[in-house]
N, C-alpha and C. Protein backbone atom coordinates (compact mmCIF):
# COMPACT_ATOMS: atom_id res chain seq x y z
N UNK A 1 -23.14 12.68 -14.17
CA UNK A 1 -21.88 12.12 -14.60
C UNK A 1 -21.72 11.10 -14.20
N UNK A 2 -20.98 10.19 -14.82
CA UNK A 2 -21.17 8.87 -14.24
C UNK A 2 -19.81 9.22 -13.17
N UNK A 3 -19.54 8.07 -12.03
CA UNK A 3 -18.31 8.44 -10.86
C UNK A 3 -17.57 6.75 -11.20
N UNK A 4 -16.90 7.23 -10.86
CA UNK A 4 -15.49 5.73 -11.08
C UNK A 4 -15.26 5.91 -9.22
N UNK A 5 -14.81 4.48 -8.79
CA UNK A 5 -14.33 4.38 -7.65
C UNK A 5 -12.63 4.26 -8.10
N UNK A 6 -11.30 4.27 -7.33
CA UNK A 6 -10.41 4.00 -7.44
C UNK A 6 -9.44 3.64 -6.88
N UNK A 7 -8.81 3.20 -6.69
CA UNK A 7 -7.72 3.00 -5.38
C UNK A 7 -6.44 3.83 -5.41
N UNK A 8 -5.82 4.20 -4.21
CA UNK A 8 -4.84 5.07 -4.03
C UNK A 8 -3.60 4.70 -2.99
N UNK A 9 -2.06 4.97 -2.96
CA UNK A 9 -2.01 4.36 -2.44
C UNK A 9 -0.79 6.01 -2.27
N UNK A 10 -0.86 6.22 -1.08
CA UNK A 10 -0.16 7.73 -0.68
C UNK A 10 0.25 7.68 0.90
N UNK A 11 0.94 8.25 0.99
CA UNK A 11 1.96 8.86 1.99
C UNK A 11 1.03 8.78 3.63
N UNK A 12 0.98 7.79 4.37
CA UNK A 12 0.29 8.08 5.38
C UNK A 12 -0.24 9.05 6.43
N UNK A 13 0.98 9.54 6.59
CA UNK A 13 0.66 10.75 7.00
C UNK A 13 0.28 12.00 6.31
N UNK A 14 0.55 12.34 5.30
CA UNK A 14 -0.09 13.06 4.17
C UNK A 14 -1.51 12.96 4.23
N UNK A 15 -1.81 11.52 4.34
CA UNK A 15 -2.98 11.22 4.31
C UNK A 15 -4.05 11.75 5.54
N UNK A 16 -3.46 11.09 6.39
CA UNK A 16 -4.44 11.81 7.79
C UNK A 16 -4.20 13.02 8.45
N UNK A 17 -2.94 13.65 7.71
CA UNK A 17 -3.43 15.30 7.99
C UNK A 17 -4.22 16.15 7.01
N UNK A 18 -4.20 15.96 5.79
CA UNK A 18 -5.27 15.79 4.86
C UNK A 18 -6.62 15.57 4.84
N UNK A 19 -6.46 14.48 5.58
CA UNK A 19 -7.84 14.14 6.25
C UNK A 19 -8.92 14.85 7.16
N UNK A 20 -7.85 15.31 7.74
CA UNK A 20 -8.09 16.57 9.16
C UNK A 20 -8.53 17.71 8.73
N UNK A 21 -7.51 18.15 7.78
CA UNK A 21 -7.77 19.71 6.91
C UNK A 21 -9.43 19.51 6.52
N UNK A 22 -9.67 18.55 5.48
CA UNK A 22 -10.85 18.68 5.18
C UNK A 22 -11.85 18.42 5.65
N UNK A 23 -12.10 17.36 7.00
CA UNK A 23 -12.88 17.37 7.95
C UNK A 23 -13.23 18.68 8.30
N UNK A 24 -12.03 19.91 9.00
CA UNK A 24 -12.34 21.08 9.63
C UNK A 24 -13.83 21.65 8.42
N UNK A 25 -12.88 21.48 7.36
CA UNK A 25 -13.11 23.00 6.22
C UNK A 25 -14.76 21.94 5.44
N UNK A 26 -15.47 20.65 6.12
CA UNK A 26 -16.59 20.41 5.91
C UNK A 26 -16.49 19.45 4.44
N UNK A 27 -14.91 19.47 3.92
CA UNK A 27 -14.92 18.50 2.52
C UNK A 27 -14.93 17.80 2.31
N UNK A 28 -14.77 16.94 1.10
CA UNK A 28 -14.59 15.70 0.80
C UNK A 28 -12.87 15.18 0.51
N UNK A 29 -13.00 13.96 0.60
CA UNK A 29 -11.43 14.45 -0.12
C UNK A 29 -11.50 13.74 -1.26
N UNK A 30 -12.53 12.88 -1.65
CA UNK A 30 -12.23 12.82 -2.94
C UNK A 30 -12.76 13.63 -4.33
N UNK A 31 -13.37 14.92 -3.49
CA UNK A 31 -13.74 15.55 -4.42
C UNK A 31 -12.64 16.97 -4.59
N UNK A 32 -11.88 16.76 -3.77
CA UNK A 32 -10.60 17.72 -3.78
C UNK A 32 -9.73 17.26 -4.70
N UNK A 33 -9.62 15.53 -4.47
CA UNK A 33 -8.51 14.80 -5.41
C UNK A 33 -9.22 14.95 -6.87
N UNK A 34 -10.66 15.02 -7.11
CA UNK A 34 -10.69 15.29 -8.44
C UNK A 34 -11.17 16.91 -9.07
N UNK A 35 -10.83 17.73 -7.90
CA UNK A 35 -10.44 19.17 -8.40
C UNK A 35 -9.03 19.23 -8.84
N UNK A 36 -8.34 18.95 -8.13
CA UNK A 36 -6.70 18.55 -8.43
C UNK A 36 -6.22 18.16 -9.86
N UNK A 37 -6.86 16.54 -9.86
CA UNK A 37 -6.81 15.96 -11.19
C UNK A 37 -7.44 17.12 -12.67
N UNK A 38 -8.66 17.61 -12.42
CA UNK A 38 -9.14 18.83 -13.63
C UNK A 38 -8.90 19.62 -13.69
N UNK A 39 -7.88 20.25 -12.79
CA UNK A 39 -6.47 21.50 -13.21
C UNK A 39 -6.18 21.16 -13.91
N UNK A 40 -5.15 19.81 -13.38
CA UNK A 40 -3.92 19.40 -14.02
C UNK A 40 -4.26 19.43 -15.43
N UNK A 41 -5.90 18.51 -15.57
CA UNK A 41 -5.50 18.05 -17.05
C UNK A 41 -6.09 19.24 -18.01
N UNK A 42 -6.32 20.36 -17.46
CA UNK A 42 -6.94 21.84 -18.13
C UNK A 42 -5.49 22.29 -18.36
N UNK A 43 -4.69 22.67 -17.47
CA UNK A 43 -3.27 22.96 -18.15
C UNK A 43 -2.59 21.98 -19.04
N UNK A 44 -2.79 21.19 -18.76
CA UNK A 44 -2.51 20.21 -19.75
C UNK A 44 -2.17 20.14 -21.22
N UNK A 45 -3.46 20.48 -21.16
CA UNK A 45 -4.13 20.86 -22.45
C UNK A 45 -4.28 21.81 -23.42
N UNK A 46 -3.98 23.28 -22.43
CA UNK A 46 -3.63 24.09 -22.87
C UNK A 46 -1.95 23.95 -23.04
N UNK A 47 -1.10 23.42 -22.40
CA UNK A 47 0.28 23.29 -23.00
C UNK A 47 0.72 22.70 -24.03
N UNK A 48 -0.82 21.66 -24.67
CA UNK A 48 -0.01 20.49 -26.04
C UNK A 48 -0.72 21.64 -27.41
């Protein structure tokens, strides 16, 4: 699967908190964002 670099602008407190959460769980932030995007996309496809 080909990947693409993107730039996001998010609330710094939210990002810092989520970064710590992912670090404690051994997760990659980028993969978590990708999973959220996949879920939303699939839900939208079902509803269209």
